[in-house]
Amino acid sequence: MDVPAGLIITISDIRRAGYCTRGAKGWFEGYGLDFRDIIKNGITAEDLLATGDAHAERVVSARVARDQLAAVPLELVITAEDVKKSKKCMAGAREFAALHGYDYGAFVEQGIPAADILKTGDPDGIAIVRDKLARG
């Protein structure tokens, strides 16, 4: 993973990756990290990755992907067909829609703007957007 030097990971990044604040507190304290300081100032991606924890990799990966995809064209729409082409299951798409307040039927019929998917920070959603961009 190519991580920009000095990238700061915030509690918002952690929550966007699917982790709750209470769980993050225990996670950081388990590594001897100052949770209050992280809440206030964030933590460098380098320091977070240095824990060797798979959760850290997921959080940093999601943040890097969001930053890379920030320039996604506003008109780009993710459809059910894109989900299938990305080798993701439709049950996961249904769960994503419910979790993030989207109407699943409307998603299947019309799709969801890629920018909206990226705002959720959902790693699978980000992967689908990235895959569609790679396919052109």
N, C-alpha and C. Protein backbone atom coordinates (compact mmCIF):
# COMPACT_ATOMS: atom_id res chain seq x y z
N MET A 1 0.85 -1.17 0.00
CA MET A 1 0.00 0.00 0.00
C MET A 1 0.90 1.24 0.00
N ASP A 2 0.60 2.17 -0.88
CA ASP A 2 1.37 3.40 -0.98
C ASP A 2 0.71 4.46 -0.10
N VAL A 3 1.34 4.79 1.02
CA VAL A 3 0.77 5.72 1.99
C VAL A 3 1.55 7.04 1.93
N PRO A 4 0.84 8.15 1.70
CA PRO A 4 1.53 9.44 1.68
C PRO A 4 2.22 9.73 3.02
N ALA A 5 3.41 10.28 2.96
CA ALA A 5 4.15 10.63 4.18
C ALA A 5 3.35 11.64 4.99
N GLY A 6 3.31 11.43 6.28
CA GLY A 6 2.65 12.37 7.18
C GLY A 6 1.14 12.28 7.20
N LEU A 7 0.57 11.28 6.56
CA LEU A 7 -0.89 11.13 6.54
C LEU A 7 -1.40 10.93 7.97
N ILE A 8 -2.34 11.77 8.37
CA ILE A 8 -2.92 11.70 9.71
C ILE A 8 -4.25 10.96 9.64
N ILE A 9 -4.38 9.96 10.47
CA ILE A 9 -5.62 9.18 10.58
C ILE A 9 -6.38 9.72 11.79
N THR A 10 -7.63 10.08 11.58
CA THR A 10 -8.46 10.63 12.65
C THR A 10 -9.48 9.60 13.13
N ILE A 11 -10.13 9.92 14.21
CA ILE A 11 -11.18 9.03 14.71
C ILE A 11 -12.30 8.90 13.67
N SER A 12 -12.52 9.94 12.89
CA SER A 12 -13.52 9.86 11.81
C SER A 12 -13.13 8.82 10.78
N ASP A 13 -11.84 8.76 10.46
CA ASP A 13 -11.37 7.74 9.51
C ASP A 13 -11.61 6.34 10.07
N ILE A 14 -11.39 6.20 11.34
CA ILE A 14 -11.56 4.91 12.01
C ILE A 14 -13.04 4.51 11.97
N ARG A 15 -13.90 5.46 12.27
CA ARG A 15 -15.35 5.18 12.25
C ARG A 15 -15.82 4.89 10.83
N ARG A 16 -15.30 5.62 9.86
CA ARG A 16 -15.69 5.37 8.46
C ARG A 16 -15.28 3.98 7.99
N ALA A 17 -14.24 3.45 8.58
CA ALA A 17 -13.78 2.10 8.22
C ALA A 17 -14.61 1.02 8.92
N GLY A 18 -15.60 1.44 9.71
CA GLY A 18 -16.53 0.50 10.32
C GLY A 18 -16.29 0.18 11.78
N TYR A 19 -15.41 0.92 12.44
CA TYR A 19 -15.11 0.65 13.84
C TYR A 19 -15.79 1.68 14.74
N CYS A 20 -16.24 1.23 15.90
CA CYS A 20 -16.88 2.15 16.85
C CYS A 20 -15.81 2.79 17.73
N THR A 21 -16.15 3.93 18.31
CA THR A 21 -15.21 4.66 19.16
C THR A 21 -14.82 3.84 20.38
N ARG A 22 -15.78 3.18 20.99
CA ARG A 22 -15.48 2.38 22.19
C ARG A 22 -14.49 1.26 21.85
N GLY A 23 -14.70 0.59 20.74
CA GLY A 23 -13.78 -0.46 20.33
C GLY A 23 -12.41 0.09 19.99
N ALA A 24 -12.38 1.26 19.35
CA ALA A 24 -11.11 1.89 19.00
C ALA A 24 -10.33 2.24 20.26
N LYS A 25 -11.03 2.68 21.28
CA LYS A 25 -10.37 3.04 22.55
C LYS A 25 -9.63 1.83 23.11
N GLY A 26 -10.31 0.71 23.18
CA GLY A 26 -9.67 -0.51 23.68
C GLY A 26 -8.53 -0.97 22.78
N TRP A 27 -8.73 -0.82 21.49
CA TRP A 27 -7.72 -1.21 20.51
C TRP A 27 -6.44 -0.40 20.73
N PHE A 28 -6.58 0.94 20.81
CA PHE A 28 -5.40 1.79 21.01
C PHE A 28 -4.73 1.54 22.36
N GLU A 29 -5.54 1.44 23.39
CA GLU A 29 -4.97 1.21 24.72
C GLU A 29 -4.23 -0.12 24.79
N GLY A 30 -4.71 -1.09 24.01
CA GLY A 30 -4.03 -2.39 23.96
C GLY A 30 -2.63 -2.30 23.38
N TYR A 31 -2.39 -1.26 22.59
CA TYR A 31 -1.06 -1.03 22.01
C TYR A 31 -0.30 0.06 22.76
N GLY A 32 -0.86 0.50 23.89
CA GLY A 32 -0.17 1.53 24.68
C GLY A 32 -0.23 2.91 24.06
N LEU A 33 -1.20 3.15 23.19
CA LEU A 33 -1.34 4.45 22.54
C LEU A 33 -2.31 5.33 23.33
N ASP A 34 -2.06 6.61 23.33
CA ASP A 34 -2.87 7.58 24.09
C ASP A 34 -4.14 7.91 23.30
N PHE A 35 -5.25 7.31 23.70
CA PHE A 35 -6.51 7.49 22.97
C PHE A 35 -6.96 8.94 22.95
N ARG A 36 -6.84 9.63 24.07
CA ARG A 36 -7.26 11.05 24.11
C ARG A 36 -6.46 11.90 23.12
N ASP A 37 -5.17 11.62 23.02
CA ASP A 37 -4.33 12.36 22.07
C ASP A 37 -4.75 12.04 20.64
N ILE A 38 -5.09 10.80 20.40
CA ILE A 38 -5.53 10.42 19.05
C ILE A 38 -6.85 11.09 18.70
N ILE A 39 -7.75 11.17 19.67
CA ILE A 39 -9.02 11.87 19.44
C ILE A 39 -8.74 13.33 19.09
N LYS A 40 -7.84 13.95 19.82
CA LYS A 40 -7.54 15.37 19.63
C LYS A 40 -6.70 15.64 18.38
N ASN A 41 -5.66 14.84 18.15
CA ASN A 41 -4.68 15.14 17.10
C ASN A 41 -4.58 14.12 15.98
N GLY A 42 -5.23 12.97 16.14
CA GLY A 42 -5.07 11.91 15.16
C GLY A 42 -3.76 11.17 15.41
N ILE A 43 -3.43 10.28 14.51
CA ILE A 43 -2.20 9.49 14.59
C ILE A 43 -1.68 9.33 13.17
N THR A 44 -0.37 9.33 13.00
CA THR A 44 0.14 9.15 11.64
C THR A 44 -0.18 7.73 11.18
N ALA A 45 -0.41 7.60 9.90
CA ALA A 45 -0.67 6.28 9.33
C ALA A 45 0.53 5.38 9.59
N GLU A 46 1.72 5.94 9.51
CA GLU A 46 2.94 5.16 9.76
C GLU A 46 2.93 4.56 11.16
N ASP A 47 2.58 5.38 12.17
CA ASP A 47 2.54 4.88 13.54
C ASP A 47 1.44 3.84 13.73
N LEU A 48 0.32 4.07 13.09
CA LEU A 48 -0.78 3.12 13.20
C LEU A 48 -0.41 1.78 12.55
N LEU A 49 0.20 1.84 11.37
CA LEU A 49 0.60 0.62 10.69
C LEU A 49 1.72 -0.12 11.44
N ALA A 50 2.52 0.63 12.19
CA ALA A 50 3.62 0.02 12.93
C ALA A 50 3.13 -0.96 13.99
N THR A 51 1.85 -0.89 14.34
CA THR A 51 1.29 -1.85 15.30
C THR A 51 1.24 -3.25 14.68
N GLY A 52 1.22 -3.30 13.34
CA GLY A 52 1.12 -4.59 12.66
C GLY A 52 -0.28 -5.18 12.71
N ASP A 53 -1.22 -4.42 13.19
CA ASP A 53 -2.59 -4.89 13.37
C ASP A 53 -3.37 -4.83 12.05
N ALA A 54 -4.12 -5.87 11.75
CA ALA A 54 -4.92 -5.92 10.53
C ALA A 54 -5.97 -4.81 10.50
N HIS A 55 -6.50 -4.43 11.67
CA HIS A 55 -7.47 -3.33 11.72
C HIS A 55 -6.81 -2.03 11.27
N ALA A 56 -5.56 -1.82 11.67
CA ALA A 56 -4.83 -0.62 11.27
C ALA A 56 -4.69 -0.58 9.76
N GLU A 57 -4.36 -1.72 9.18
CA GLU A 57 -4.21 -1.77 7.72
C GLU A 57 -5.53 -1.46 7.03
N ARG A 58 -6.63 -1.95 7.58
CA ARG A 58 -7.94 -1.68 6.97
C ARG A 58 -8.28 -0.19 7.05
N VAL A 59 -8.03 0.42 8.20
CA VAL A 59 -8.34 1.84 8.38
C VAL A 59 -7.50 2.70 7.43
N VAL A 60 -6.21 2.44 7.40
CA VAL A 60 -5.32 3.24 6.54
C VAL A 60 -5.65 3.00 5.07
N SER A 61 -5.90 1.77 4.71
CA SER A 61 -6.24 1.46 3.33
C SER A 61 -7.51 2.19 2.88
N ALA A 62 -8.51 2.19 3.74
CA ALA A 62 -9.77 2.88 3.41
C ALA A 62 -9.54 4.37 3.26
N ARG A 63 -8.73 4.96 4.13
CA ARG A 63 -8.45 6.40 4.05
C ARG A 63 -7.69 6.73 2.78
N VAL A 64 -6.67 5.96 2.46
CA VAL A 64 -5.87 6.19 1.26
C VAL A 64 -6.76 6.07 0.02
N ALA A 65 -7.61 5.06 0.00
CA ALA A 65 -8.50 4.87 -1.14
C ALA A 65 -9.46 6.04 -1.29
N ARG A 66 -10.02 6.50 -0.17
CA ARG A 66 -10.93 7.66 -0.23
C ARG A 66 -10.22 8.88 -0.79
N ASP A 67 -8.98 9.10 -0.34
CA ASP A 67 -8.23 10.25 -0.83
C ASP A 67 -7.93 10.12 -2.32
N GLN A 68 -7.59 8.92 -2.76
CA GLN A 68 -7.28 8.70 -4.17
C GLN A 68 -8.51 8.86 -5.04
N LEU A 69 -9.65 8.50 -4.50
CA LEU A 69 -10.88 8.54 -5.30
C LEU A 69 -11.66 9.83 -5.13
N ALA A 70 -11.07 10.79 -4.42
CA ALA A 70 -11.78 12.05 -4.17
C ALA A 70 -12.11 12.79 -5.46
N ALA A 71 -11.38 12.51 -6.51
CA ALA A 71 -11.61 13.20 -7.78
C ALA A 71 -12.52 12.40 -8.72
N VAL A 72 -13.30 11.49 -8.17
CA VAL A 72 -14.21 10.69 -8.98
C VAL A 72 -15.24 11.62 -9.62
N PRO A 73 -15.49 11.43 -10.92
CA PRO A 73 -16.48 12.27 -11.59
C PRO A 73 -17.84 12.21 -10.90
N LEU A 74 -18.46 13.35 -10.73
CA LEU A 74 -19.74 13.41 -10.02
C LEU A 74 -20.83 12.59 -10.70
N GLU A 75 -20.72 12.43 -12.01
CA GLU A 75 -21.77 11.70 -12.74
C GLU A 75 -21.60 10.18 -12.68
N LEU A 76 -20.51 9.70 -12.11
CA LEU A 76 -20.27 8.26 -12.04
C LEU A 76 -21.29 7.62 -11.09
N VAL A 77 -21.97 6.60 -11.57
CA VAL A 77 -23.00 5.90 -10.80
C VAL A 77 -22.61 4.42 -10.71
N ILE A 78 -22.77 3.87 -9.53
CA ILE A 78 -22.50 2.46 -9.30
C ILE A 78 -23.81 1.71 -9.35
N THR A 79 -23.85 0.68 -10.18
CA THR A 79 -25.07 -0.09 -10.40
C THR A 79 -24.91 -1.51 -9.84
N ALA A 80 -26.00 -2.24 -9.87
CA ALA A 80 -25.96 -3.65 -9.45
C ALA A 80 -25.00 -4.42 -10.34
N GLU A 81 -24.94 -4.07 -11.61
CA GLU A 81 -24.02 -4.74 -12.53
C GLU A 81 -22.57 -4.50 -12.12
N ASP A 82 -22.26 -3.30 -11.63
CA ASP A 82 -20.90 -3.01 -11.16
C ASP A 82 -20.55 -3.87 -9.95
N VAL A 83 -21.54 -4.10 -9.08
CA VAL A 83 -21.32 -4.94 -7.91
C VAL A 83 -20.94 -6.35 -8.38
N LYS A 84 -21.68 -6.87 -9.33
CA LYS A 84 -21.42 -8.22 -9.85
C LYS A 84 -20.05 -8.29 -10.54
N LYS A 85 -19.72 -7.29 -11.34
CA LYS A 85 -18.43 -7.28 -12.05
C LYS A 85 -17.26 -7.19 -11.09
N SER A 86 -17.49 -6.63 -9.91
CA SER A 86 -16.44 -6.53 -8.89
C SER A 86 -16.36 -7.78 -8.04
N LYS A 87 -17.16 -8.78 -8.42
CA LYS A 87 -17.19 -10.06 -7.71
C LYS A 87 -17.64 -9.91 -6.25
N LYS A 88 -18.54 -8.95 -6.03
CA LYS A 88 -19.16 -8.78 -4.73
C LYS A 88 -20.57 -9.35 -4.82
N CYS A 89 -21.11 -9.80 -3.73
CA CYS A 89 -22.44 -10.40 -3.77
C CYS A 89 -23.54 -9.36 -3.58
N MET A 90 -24.70 -9.66 -4.14
CA MET A 90 -25.83 -8.75 -4.02
C MET A 90 -26.38 -8.72 -2.61
N ALA A 91 -26.19 -9.80 -1.85
CA ALA A 91 -26.61 -9.77 -0.44
C ALA A 91 -25.80 -8.71 0.30
N GLY A 92 -24.53 -8.60 -0.02
CA GLY A 92 -23.70 -7.56 0.57
C GLY A 92 -24.16 -6.18 0.15
N ALA A 93 -24.60 -6.05 -1.10
CA ALA A 93 -25.12 -4.76 -1.59
C ALA A 93 -26.40 -4.39 -0.85
N ARG A 94 -27.23 -5.39 -0.59
CA ARG A 94 -28.48 -5.14 0.16
C ARG A 94 -28.15 -4.67 1.58
N GLU A 95 -27.17 -5.34 2.19
CA GLU A 95 -26.74 -4.96 3.55
C GLU A 95 -26.15 -3.55 3.56
N PHE A 96 -25.33 -3.23 2.55
CA PHE A 96 -24.75 -1.89 2.42
C PHE A 96 -25.86 -0.84 2.34
N ALA A 97 -26.85 -1.10 1.47
CA ALA A 97 -27.95 -0.15 1.30
C ALA A 97 -28.68 0.09 2.62
N ALA A 98 -28.99 -0.98 3.34
CA ALA A 98 -29.69 -0.86 4.62
C ALA A 98 -28.85 -0.11 5.64
N LEU A 99 -27.57 -0.45 5.71
CA LEU A 99 -26.68 0.17 6.69
C LEU A 99 -26.53 1.67 6.47
N HIS A 100 -26.53 2.08 5.20
CA HIS A 100 -26.27 3.49 4.89
C HIS A 100 -27.52 4.26 4.46
N GLY A 101 -28.69 3.66 4.65
CA GLY A 101 -29.95 4.37 4.41
C GLY A 101 -30.35 4.52 2.95
N TYR A 102 -29.90 3.62 2.09
CA TYR A 102 -30.29 3.66 0.68
C TYR A 102 -31.44 2.69 0.44
N ASP A 103 -32.30 3.03 -0.48
CA ASP A 103 -33.37 2.14 -0.89
C ASP A 103 -32.78 1.10 -1.84
N TYR A 104 -32.81 -0.15 -1.45
CA TYR A 104 -32.19 -1.20 -2.24
C TYR A 104 -32.83 -1.32 -3.62
N GLY A 105 -34.15 -1.23 -3.68
CA GLY A 105 -34.84 -1.32 -4.97
C GLY A 105 -34.40 -0.21 -5.91
N ALA A 106 -34.28 1.00 -5.39
CA ALA A 106 -33.82 2.12 -6.21
C ALA A 106 -32.38 1.91 -6.65
N PHE A 107 -31.56 1.34 -5.76
CA PHE A 107 -30.18 1.04 -6.13
C PHE A 107 -30.14 0.08 -7.31
N VAL A 108 -30.92 -0.99 -7.23
CA VAL A 108 -30.92 -1.98 -8.30
C VAL A 108 -31.39 -1.36 -9.61
N GLU A 109 -32.41 -0.50 -9.54
CA GLU A 109 -32.97 0.10 -10.76
C GLU A 109 -32.14 1.26 -11.30
N GLN A 110 -31.61 2.10 -10.41
CA GLN A 110 -30.97 3.34 -10.86
C GLN A 110 -29.50 3.47 -10.49
N GLY A 111 -29.06 2.74 -9.49
CA GLY A 111 -27.69 2.87 -9.02
C GLY A 111 -27.57 3.93 -7.94
N ILE A 112 -26.35 4.09 -7.44
CA ILE A 112 -26.04 5.07 -6.41
C ILE A 112 -24.84 5.87 -6.90
N PRO A 113 -24.88 7.21 -6.77
CA PRO A 113 -23.71 8.00 -7.18
C PRO A 113 -22.45 7.53 -6.45
N ALA A 114 -21.38 7.35 -7.20
CA ALA A 114 -20.11 6.88 -6.61
C ALA A 114 -19.65 7.80 -5.49
N ALA A 115 -19.85 9.10 -5.65
CA ALA A 115 -19.43 10.05 -4.61
C ALA A 115 -20.14 9.77 -3.29
N ASP A 116 -21.41 9.37 -3.35
CA ASP A 116 -22.15 9.04 -2.13
C ASP A 116 -21.59 7.78 -1.48
N ILE A 117 -21.23 6.81 -2.30
CA ILE A 117 -20.65 5.58 -1.77
C ILE A 117 -19.33 5.89 -1.08
N LEU A 118 -18.51 6.72 -1.70
CA LEU A 118 -17.22 7.05 -1.11
C LEU A 118 -17.37 7.77 0.22
N LYS A 119 -18.39 8.58 0.35
CA LYS A 119 -18.61 9.31 1.61
C LYS A 119 -18.86 8.37 2.78
N THR A 120 -19.36 7.18 2.50
CA THR A 120 -19.62 6.23 3.59
C THR A 120 -18.33 5.67 4.16
N GLY A 121 -17.27 5.66 3.35
CA GLY A 121 -16.00 5.09 3.79
C GLY A 121 -16.00 3.57 3.82
N ASP A 122 -17.06 2.94 3.31
CA ASP A 122 -17.18 1.49 3.33
C ASP A 122 -16.12 0.87 2.42
N PRO A 123 -15.25 0.01 2.96
CA PRO A 123 -14.17 -0.57 2.16
C PRO A 123 -14.65 -1.33 0.93
N ASP A 124 -15.74 -2.09 1.04
CA ASP A 124 -16.24 -2.81 -0.12
C ASP A 124 -16.81 -1.83 -1.16
N GLY A 125 -17.49 -0.80 -0.69
CA GLY A 125 -18.00 0.22 -1.61
C GLY A 125 -16.87 0.92 -2.35
N ILE A 126 -15.82 1.25 -1.62
CA ILE A 126 -14.66 1.90 -2.23
C ILE A 126 -14.03 0.97 -3.27
N ALA A 127 -13.95 -0.32 -2.95
CA ALA A 127 -13.37 -1.28 -3.89
C ALA A 127 -14.18 -1.37 -5.18
N ILE A 128 -15.50 -1.30 -5.06
CA ILE A 128 -16.36 -1.37 -6.24
C ILE A 128 -16.17 -0.13 -7.10
N VAL A 129 -16.09 1.05 -6.47
CA VAL A 129 -15.86 2.28 -7.23
C VAL A 129 -14.50 2.21 -7.93
N ARG A 130 -13.49 1.78 -7.18
CA ARG A 130 -12.13 1.68 -7.75
C ARG A 130 -12.14 0.72 -8.94
N ASP A 131 -12.84 -0.39 -8.79
CA ASP A 131 -12.90 -1.38 -9.87
C ASP A 131 -13.57 -0.80 -11.11
N LYS A 132 -14.66 -0.06 -10.92
CA LYS A 132 -15.36 0.52 -12.06
C LYS A 132 -14.46 1.54 -12.76
N LEU A 133 -13.74 2.33 -12.00
CA LEU A 133 -12.82 3.30 -12.59
C LEU A 133 -11.73 2.59 -13.39
N ALA A 134 -11.23 1.48 -12.87
CA ALA A 134 -10.18 0.73 -13.56
C ALA A 134 -10.70 0.12 -14.86
N ARG A 135 -11.97 -0.26 -14.86
CA ARG A 135 -12.56 -0.84 -16.07
C ARG A 135 -12.86 0.23 -17.12
N GLY A 136 -12.92 1.48 -16.68
CA GLY A 136 -13.16 2.58 -17.63
C GLY A 136 -14.56 2.84 -17.84
